[in-house]
Amino acid sequence: CEKHSSYVKDQLWECPKLMVSFHQKAAVGKLTGV
């Protein structure tokens, strides 16, 4: 999978981590418009 996608397992976790953190912080700070 790593060879064909060029992603290692740790890199796959970055997206869900970012999605959750953005969602948690969306009501405050710079993301209030979103």
ModelCIF file with pLDDT and N, C-alpha, C, O atoms, coordinates in Angstrom:
data_MODEL
#
_entry.id   MODEL 
#
_entity.id                         1 
_entity.type                       polymer 
_entity.pdbx_number_of_molecules   1 
#
_entity_poly.entity_id                      1 
_entity_poly.type                           'polypeptide(L)' 
_entity_poly.nstd_linkage                   no 
_entity_poly.nstd_monomer                   no 
_entity_poly.pdbx_seq_one_letter_code       CEKHSSYVKDQLWECPKLMVSFHQKAAVGKLTGV 
_entity_poly.pdbx_seq_one_letter_code_can   CEKHSSYVKDQLWECPKLMVSFHQKAAVGKLTGV 
_entity_poly.pdbx_strand_id                 A 
#
loop_
_entity_poly_seq.entity_id 
_entity_poly_seq.num 
_entity_poly_seq.mon_id 
_entity_poly_seq.hetero 
1 1  CYS n 
1 2  GLU n 
1 3  LYS n 
1 4  HIS n 
1 5  SER n 
1 6  SER n 
1 7  TYR n 
1 8  VAL n 
1 9  LYS n 
1 10 ASP n 
1 11 GLN n 
1 12 LEU n 
1 13 TRP n 
1 14 GLU n 
1 15 CYS n 
1 16 PRO n 
1 17 LYS n 
1 18 LEU n 
1 19 MET n 
1 20 VAL n 
1 21 SER n 
1 22 PHE n 
1 23 HIS n 
1 24 GLN n 
1 25 LYS n 
1 26 ALA n 
1 27 ALA n 
1 28 VAL n 
1 29 GLY n 
1 30 LYS n 
1 31 LEU n 
1 32 THR n 
1 33 GLY n 
1 34 VAL n 
#
_struct_asym.id          A 
_struct_asym.entity_id   1 
#
loop_
_ma_qa_metric.id 
_ma_qa_metric.mode 
_ma_qa_metric.name 
_ma_qa_metric.software_group_id 
_ma_qa_metric.type 
1 global pLDDT . pLDDT 
2 local  pLDDT . pLDDT 
#
_ma_qa_metric_global.metric_id      1 
_ma_qa_metric_global.metric_value   81.76 
_ma_qa_metric_global.model_id       1 
_ma_qa_metric_global.ordinal_id     1 
#
loop_
_ma_qa_metric_local.label_asym_id 
_ma_qa_metric_local.label_comp_id 
_ma_qa_metric_local.label_seq_id 
_ma_qa_metric_local.metric_id 
_ma_qa_metric_local.metric_value 
_ma_qa_metric_local.model_id 
_ma_qa_metric_local.ordinal_id 
A CYS 1  2 80.00 1 1  
A GLU 2  2 81.00 1 2  
A LYS 3  2 83.00 1 3  
A HIS 4  2 83.00 1 4  
A SER 5  2 84.00 1 5  
A SER 6  2 84.00 1 6  
A TYR 7  2 84.00 1 7  
A VAL 8  2 82.00 1 8  
A LYS 9  2 78.00 1 9  
A ASP 10 2 80.00 1 10 
A GLN 11 2 83.00 1 11 
A LEU 12 2 78.00 1 12 
A TRP 13 2 78.00 1 13 
A GLU 14 2 84.00 1 14 
A CYS 15 2 82.00 1 15 
A PRO 16 2 82.00 1 16 
A LYS 17 2 84.00 1 17 
A LEU 18 2 86.00 1 18 
A MET 19 2 84.00 1 19 
A VAL 20 2 85.00 1 20 
A SER 21 2 85.00 1 21 
A PHE 22 2 84.00 1 22 
A HIS 23 2 82.00 1 23 
A GLN 24 2 82.00 1 24 
A LYS 25 2 82.00 1 25 
A ALA 26 2 80.00 1 26 
A ALA 27 2 78.00 1 27 
A VAL 28 2 80.00 1 28 
A GLY 29 2 75.00 1 29 
A LYS 30 2 77.00 1 30 
A LEU 31 2 76.00 1 31 
A THR 32 2 85.00 1 32 
A GLY 33 2 86.00 1 33 
A VAL 34 2 83.00 1 34 
#
loop_
_atom_site.group_PDB 
_atom_site.id 
_atom_site.type_symbol 
_atom_site.label_atom_id 
_atom_site.label_alt_id 
_atom_site.label_comp_id 
_atom_site.label_asym_id 
_atom_site.label_entity_id 
_atom_site.label_seq_id 
_atom_site.pdbx_PDB_ins_code 
_atom_site.Cartn_x 
_atom_site.Cartn_y 
_atom_site.Cartn_z 
_atom_site.occupancy 
_atom_site.B_iso_or_equiv 
_atom_site.pdbx_formal_charge 
_atom_site.auth_seq_id 
_atom_site.auth_comp_id 
_atom_site.auth_asym_id 
_atom_site.auth_atom_id 
_atom_site.pdbx_PDB_model_num 
ATOM 1   N N  . CYS A 1 1  ? 0.835   -1.204 0.000  1.00 80.00 ? 1  CYS A N  1 
ATOM 2   C CA . CYS A 1 1  ? 0.000   0.000  0.000  1.00 80.00 ? 1  CYS A CA 1 
ATOM 3   C C  . CYS A 1 1  ? 0.870   1.253  0.000  1.00 80.00 ? 1  CYS A C  1 
ATOM 4   O O  . CYS A 1 1  ? 0.594   2.212  -0.721 1.00 80.00 ? 1  CYS A O  1 
ATOM 5   N N  . GLU A 1 2  ? 1.914   1.235  0.810  1.00 81.00 ? 2  GLU A N  1 
ATOM 6   C CA . GLU A 1 2  ? 2.825   2.376  0.875  1.00 81.00 ? 2  GLU A CA 1 
ATOM 7   C C  . GLU A 1 2  ? 3.483   2.622  -0.480 1.00 81.00 ? 2  GLU A C  1 
ATOM 8   O O  . GLU A 1 2  ? 3.610   3.764  -0.920 1.00 81.00 ? 2  GLU A O  1 
ATOM 9   N N  . LYS A 1 3  ? 3.896   1.547  -1.130 1.00 83.00 ? 3  LYS A N  1 
ATOM 10  C CA . LYS A 1 3  ? 4.571   1.677  -2.426 1.00 83.00 ? 3  LYS A CA 1 
ATOM 11  C C  . LYS A 1 3  ? 3.654   2.303  -3.476 1.00 83.00 ? 3  LYS A C  1 
ATOM 12  O O  . LYS A 1 3  ? 4.077   3.186  -4.223 1.00 83.00 ? 3  LYS A O  1 
ATOM 13  N N  . HIS A 1 4  ? 2.415   1.856  -3.536 1.00 83.00 ? 4  HIS A N  1 
ATOM 14  C CA . HIS A 1 4  ? 1.497   2.326  -4.572 1.00 83.00 ? 4  HIS A CA 1 
ATOM 15  C C  . HIS A 1 4  ? 0.874   3.687  -4.269 1.00 83.00 ? 4  HIS A C  1 
ATOM 16  O O  . HIS A 1 4  ? 0.474   4.409  -5.182 1.00 83.00 ? 4  HIS A O  1 
ATOM 17  N N  . SER A 1 5  ? 0.792   4.030  -2.992 1.00 84.00 ? 5  SER A N  1 
ATOM 18  C CA . SER A 1 5  ? 0.161   5.309  -2.644 1.00 84.00 ? 5  SER A CA 1 
ATOM 19  C C  . SER A 1 5  ? 1.172   6.384  -2.259 1.00 84.00 ? 5  SER A C  1 
ATOM 20  O O  . SER A 1 5  ? 0.851   7.572  -2.283 1.00 84.00 ? 5  SER A O  1 
ATOM 21  N N  . SER A 1 6  ? 2.385   5.977  -1.907 1.00 84.00 ? 6  SER A N  1 
ATOM 22  C CA . SER A 1 6  ? 3.431   6.882  -1.417 1.00 84.00 ? 6  SER A CA 1 
ATOM 23  C C  . SER A 1 6  ? 3.104   7.476  -0.048 1.00 84.00 ? 6  SER A C  1 
ATOM 24  O O  . SER A 1 6  ? 3.686   8.490  0.337  1.00 84.00 ? 6  SER A O  1 
ATOM 25  N N  . TYR A 1 7  ? 2.177   6.856  0.693  1.00 84.00 ? 7  TYR A N  1 
ATOM 26  C CA . TYR A 1 7  ? 1.841   7.293  2.048  1.00 84.00 ? 7  TYR A CA 1 
ATOM 27  C C  . TYR A 1 7  ? 2.186   6.195  3.035  1.00 84.00 ? 7  TYR A C  1 
ATOM 28  O O  . TYR A 1 7  ? 1.925   5.017  2.789  1.00 84.00 ? 7  TYR A O  1 
ATOM 29  N N  . VAL A 1 8  ? 2.775   6.589  4.153  1.00 82.00 ? 8  VAL A N  1 
ATOM 30  C CA . VAL A 1 8  ? 2.987   5.639  5.235  1.00 82.00 ? 8  VAL A CA 1 
ATOM 31  C C  . VAL A 1 8  ? 1.809   5.759  6.193  1.00 82.00 ? 8  VAL A C  1 
ATOM 32  O O  . VAL A 1 8  ? 1.063   6.737  6.150  1.00 82.00 ? 8  VAL A O  1 
ATOM 33  N N  . LYS A 1 9  ? 1.647   4.768  7.051  1.00 78.00 ? 9  LYS A N  1 
ATOM 34  C CA . LYS A 1 9  ? 0.505   4.710  7.969  1.00 78.00 ? 9  LYS A CA 1 
ATOM 35  C C  . LYS A 1 9  ? 0.370   5.984  8.808  1.00 78.00 ? 9  LYS A C  1 
ATOM 36  O O  . LYS A 1 9  ? -0.739  6.482  9.002  1.00 78.00 ? 9  LYS A O  1 
ATOM 37  N N  . ASP A 1 10 ? 1.475   6.505  9.297  1.00 80.00 ? 10 ASP A N  1 
ATOM 38  C CA . ASP A 1 10 ? 1.430   7.718  10.124 1.00 80.00 ? 10 ASP A CA 1 
ATOM 39  C C  . ASP A 1 10 ? 0.878   8.917  9.360  1.00 80.00 ? 10 ASP A C  1 
ATOM 40  O O  . ASP A 1 10 ? 0.183   9.756  9.934  1.00 80.00 ? 10 ASP A O  1 
ATOM 41  N N  . GLN A 1 11 ? 1.183   8.996  8.085  1.00 83.00 ? 11 GLN A N  1 
ATOM 42  C CA . GLN A 1 11 ? 0.678   10.110 7.275  1.00 83.00 ? 11 GLN A CA 1 
ATOM 43  C C  . GLN A 1 11 ? -0.834  10.038 7.096  1.00 83.00 ? 11 GLN A C  1 
ATOM 44  O O  . GLN A 1 11 ? -1.491  11.070 6.957  1.00 83.00 ? 11 GLN A O  1 
ATOM 45  N N  . LEU A 1 12 ? -1.389  8.832  7.099  1.00 78.00 ? 12 LEU A N  1 
ATOM 46  C CA . LEU A 1 12 ? -2.835  8.690  6.942  1.00 78.00 ? 12 LEU A CA 1 
ATOM 47  C C  . LEU A 1 12 ? -3.585  9.273  8.124  1.00 78.00 ? 12 LEU A C  1 
ATOM 48  O O  . LEU A 1 12 ? -4.741  9.672  7.977  1.00 78.00 ? 12 LEU A O  1 
ATOM 49  N N  . TRP A 1 13 ? -2.966  9.334  9.282  1.00 78.00 ? 13 TRP A N  1 
ATOM 50  C CA . TRP A 1 13 ? -3.621  9.842  10.481 1.00 78.00 ? 13 TRP A CA 1 
ATOM 51  C C  . TRP A 1 13 ? -3.662  11.362 10.523 1.00 78.00 ? 13 TRP A C  1 
ATOM 52  O O  . TRP A 1 13 ? -4.440  11.930 11.290 1.00 78.00 ? 13 TRP A O  1 
ATOM 53  N N  . GLU A 1 14 ? -2.853  12.030 9.726  1.00 84.00 ? 14 GLU A N  1 
ATOM 54  C CA . GLU A 1 14 ? -2.820  13.487 9.759  1.00 84.00 ? 14 GLU A CA 1 
ATOM 55  C C  . GLU A 1 14 ? -4.167  14.102 9.380  1.00 84.00 ? 14 GLU A C  1 
ATOM 56  O O  . GLU A 1 14 ? -4.607  15.055 10.024 1.00 84.00 ? 14 GLU A O  1 
ATOM 57  N N  . CYS A 1 15 ? -4.815  13.586 8.369  1.00 82.00 ? 15 CYS A N  1 
ATOM 58  C CA . CYS A 1 15 ? -6.093  14.137 7.911  1.00 82.00 ? 15 CYS A CA 1 
ATOM 59  C C  . CYS A 1 15 ? -7.180  14.063 8.983  1.00 82.00 ? 15 CYS A C  1 
ATOM 60  O O  . CYS A 1 15 ? -7.779  15.093 9.292  1.00 82.00 ? 15 CYS A O  1 
ATOM 61  N N  . PRO A 1 16 ? -7.464  12.891 9.567  1.00 82.00 ? 16 PRO A N  1 
ATOM 62  C CA . PRO A 1 16 ? -8.499  12.869 10.602 1.00 82.00 ? 16 PRO A CA 1 
ATOM 63  C C  . PRO A 1 16 ? -8.145  13.716 11.820 1.00 82.00 ? 16 PRO A C  1 
ATOM 64  O O  . PRO A 1 16 ? -9.025  14.317 12.435 1.00 82.00 ? 16 PRO A O  1 
ATOM 65  N N  . LYS A 1 17 ? -6.858  13.765 12.171 1.00 84.00 ? 17 LYS A N  1 
ATOM 66  C CA . LYS A 1 17 ? -6.453  14.606 13.302 1.00 84.00 ? 17 LYS A CA 1 
ATOM 67  C C  . LYS A 1 17 ? -6.772  16.068 13.021 1.00 84.00 ? 17 LYS A C  1 
ATOM 68  O O  . LYS A 1 17 ? -7.313  16.769 13.876 1.00 84.00 ? 17 LYS A O  1 
ATOM 69  N N  . LEU A 1 18 ? -6.434  16.523 11.823 1.00 86.00 ? 18 LEU A N  1 
ATOM 70  C CA . LEU A 1 18 ? -6.704  17.915 11.456 1.00 86.00 ? 18 LEU A CA 1 
ATOM 71  C C  . LEU A 1 18 ? -8.204  18.194 11.394 1.00 86.00 ? 18 LEU A C  1 
ATOM 72  O O  . LEU A 1 18 ? -8.667  19.231 11.870 1.00 86.00 ? 18 LEU A O  1 
ATOM 73  N N  . MET A 1 19 ? -8.960  17.271 10.808 1.00 84.00 ? 19 MET A N  1 
ATOM 74  C CA . MET A 1 19 ? -10.414 17.471 10.710 1.00 84.00 ? 19 MET A CA 1 
ATOM 75  C C  . MET A 1 19 ? -11.044 17.625 12.089 1.00 84.00 ? 19 MET A C  1 
ATOM 76  O O  . MET A 1 19 ? -11.860 18.522 12.304 1.00 84.00 ? 19 MET A O  1 
ATOM 77  N N  . VAL A 1 20 ? -10.674 16.768 13.010 1.00 85.00 ? 20 VAL A N  1 
ATOM 78  C CA . VAL A 1 20 ? -11.239 16.825 14.357 1.00 85.00 ? 20 VAL A CA 1 
ATOM 79  C C  . VAL A 1 20 ? -10.807 18.106 15.063 1.00 85.00 ? 20 VAL A C  1 
ATOM 80  O O  . VAL A 1 20 ? -11.632 18.766 15.695 1.00 85.00 ? 20 VAL A O  1 
ATOM 81  N N  . SER A 1 21 ? -9.539  18.464 14.968 1.00 85.00 ? 21 SER A N  1 
ATOM 82  C CA . SER A 1 21 ? -9.082  19.673 15.661 1.00 85.00 ? 21 SER A CA 1 
ATOM 83  C C  . SER A 1 21 ? -9.724  20.924 15.081 1.00 85.00 ? 21 SER A C  1 
ATOM 84  O O  . SER A 1 21 ? -10.085 21.826 15.837 1.00 85.00 ? 21 SER A O  1 
ATOM 85  N N  . PHE A 1 22 ? -9.875  21.007 13.772 1.00 84.00 ? 22 PHE A N  1 
ATOM 86  C CA . PHE A 1 22 ? -10.549 22.165 13.164 1.00 84.00 ? 22 PHE A CA 1 
ATOM 87  C C  . PHE A 1 22 ? -12.003 22.233 13.616 1.00 84.00 ? 22 PHE A C  1 
ATOM 88  O O  . PHE A 1 22 ? -12.511 23.313 13.920 1.00 84.00 ? 22 PHE A O  1 
ATOM 89  N N  . HIS A 1 23 ? -12.670 21.090 13.661 1.00 82.00 ? 23 HIS A N  1 
ATOM 90  C CA . HIS A 1 23 ? -14.069 21.054 14.070 1.00 82.00 ? 23 HIS A CA 1 
ATOM 91  C C  . HIS A 1 23 ? -14.211 21.491 15.535 1.00 82.00 ? 23 HIS A C  1 
ATOM 92  O O  . HIS A 1 23 ? -15.139 22.223 15.877 1.00 82.00 ? 23 HIS A O  1 
ATOM 93  N N  . GLN A 1 24 ? -13.302 21.047 16.386 1.00 82.00 ? 24 GLN A N  1 
ATOM 94  C CA . GLN A 1 24 ? -13.351 21.408 17.795 1.00 82.00 ? 24 GLN A CA 1 
ATOM 95  C C  . GLN A 1 24 ? -13.123 22.899 18.012 1.00 82.00 ? 24 GLN A C  1 
ATOM 96  O O  . GLN A 1 24 ? -13.701 23.483 18.929 1.00 82.00 ? 24 GLN A O  1 
ATOM 97  N N  . LYS A 1 25 ? -12.293 23.521 17.187 1.00 82.00 ? 25 LYS A N  1 
ATOM 98  C CA . LYS A 1 25 ? -11.925 24.921 17.356 1.00 82.00 ? 25 LYS A CA 1 
ATOM 99  C C  . LYS A 1 25 ? -12.745 25.880 16.483 1.00 82.00 ? 25 LYS A C  1 
ATOM 100 O O  . LYS A 1 25 ? -12.519 27.089 16.522 1.00 82.00 ? 25 LYS A O  1 
ATOM 101 N N  . ALA A 1 26 ? -13.677 25.362 15.710 1.00 80.00 ? 26 ALA A N  1 
ATOM 102 C CA . ALA A 1 26 ? -14.374 26.178 14.712 1.00 80.00 ? 26 ALA A CA 1 
ATOM 103 C C  . ALA A 1 26 ? -15.202 27.315 15.301 1.00 80.00 ? 26 ALA A C  1 
ATOM 104 O O  . ALA A 1 26 ? -15.343 28.355 14.658 1.00 80.00 ? 26 ALA A O  1 
ATOM 105 N N  . ALA A 1 27 ? -15.741 27.156 16.473 1.00 78.00 ? 27 ALA A N  1 
ATOM 106 C CA . ALA A 1 27 ? -16.604 28.185 17.047 1.00 78.00 ? 27 ALA A CA 1 
ATOM 107 C C  . ALA A 1 27 ? -15.824 29.366 17.608 1.00 78.00 ? 27 ALA A C  1 
ATOM 108 O O  . ALA A 1 27 ? -16.414 30.407 17.900 1.00 78.00 ? 27 ALA A O  1 
ATOM 109 N N  . VAL A 1 28 ? -14.531 29.228 17.762 1.00 80.00 ? 28 VAL A N  1 
ATOM 110 C CA . VAL A 1 28 ? -13.708 30.303 18.316 1.00 80.00 ? 28 VAL A CA 1 
ATOM 111 C C  . VAL A 1 28 ? -12.518 30.583 17.406 1.00 80.00 ? 28 VAL A C  1 
ATOM 112 O O  . VAL A 1 28 ? -12.177 29.767 16.551 1.00 80.00 ? 28 VAL A O  1 
ATOM 113 N N  . GLY A 1 29 ? -11.905 31.710 17.590 1.00 75.00 ? 29 GLY A N  1 
ATOM 114 C CA . GLY A 1 29 ? -10.701 32.026 16.828 1.00 75.00 ? 29 GLY A CA 1 
ATOM 115 C C  . GLY A 1 29 ? -10.986 32.444 15.400 1.00 75.00 ? 29 GLY A C  1 
ATOM 116 O O  . GLY A 1 29 ? -11.963 33.139 15.123 1.00 75.00 ? 29 GLY A O  1 
ATOM 117 N N  . LYS A 1 30 ? -10.123 32.012 14.503 1.00 77.00 ? 30 LYS A N  1 
ATOM 118 C CA . LYS A 1 30 ? -10.170 32.444 13.108 1.00 77.00 ? 30 LYS A CA 1 
ATOM 119 C C  . LYS A 1 30 ? -11.199 31.716 12.257 1.00 77.00 ? 30 LYS A C  1 
ATOM 120 O O  . LYS A 1 30 ? -11.432 32.105 11.112 1.00 77.00 ? 30 LYS A O  1 
ATOM 121 N N  . LEU A 1 31 ? -11.815 30.675 12.788 1.00 76.00 ? 31 LEU A N  1 
ATOM 122 C CA . LEU A 1 31 ? -12.734 29.867 11.994 1.00 76.00 ? 31 LEU A CA 1 
ATOM 123 C C  . LEU A 1 31 ? -14.204 30.178 12.265 1.00 76.00 ? 31 LEU A C  1 
ATOM 124 O O  . LEU A 1 31 ? -15.070 29.378 11.909 1.00 76.00 ? 31 LEU A O  1 
ATOM 125 N N  . THR A 1 32 ? -14.507 31.316 12.882 1.00 85.00 ? 32 THR A N  1 
ATOM 126 C CA . THR A 1 32 ? -15.905 31.615 13.224 1.00 85.00 ? 32 THR A CA 1 
ATOM 127 C C  . THR A 1 32 ? -16.775 31.782 11.981 1.00 85.00 ? 32 THR A C  1 
ATOM 128 O O  . THR A 1 32 ? -17.952 31.422 11.999 1.00 85.00 ? 32 THR A O  1 
ATOM 129 N N  . GLY A 1 33 ? -16.217 32.318 10.915 1.00 86.00 ? 33 GLY A N  1 
ATOM 130 C CA . GLY A 1 33 ? -16.978 32.460 9.673  1.00 86.00 ? 33 GLY A CA 1 
ATOM 131 C C  . GLY A 1 33 ? -17.362 31.118 9.082  1.00 86.00 ? 33 GLY A C  1 
ATOM 132 O O  . GLY A 1 33 ? -18.480 30.936 8.600  1.00 86.00 ? 33 GLY A O  1 
ATOM 133 N N  . VAL A 1 34 ? -16.439 30.190 9.120  1.00 83.00 ? 34 VAL A N  1 
ATOM 134 C CA . VAL A 1 34 ? -16.701 28.832 8.632  1.00 83.00 ? 34 VAL A CA 1 
ATOM 135 C C  . VAL A 1 34 ? -17.749 28.175 9.516  1.00 83.00 ? 34 VAL A C  1 
ATOM 136 O O  . VAL A 1 34 ? -18.120 27.024 9.283  1.00 83.00 ? 34 VAL A O  1 
#
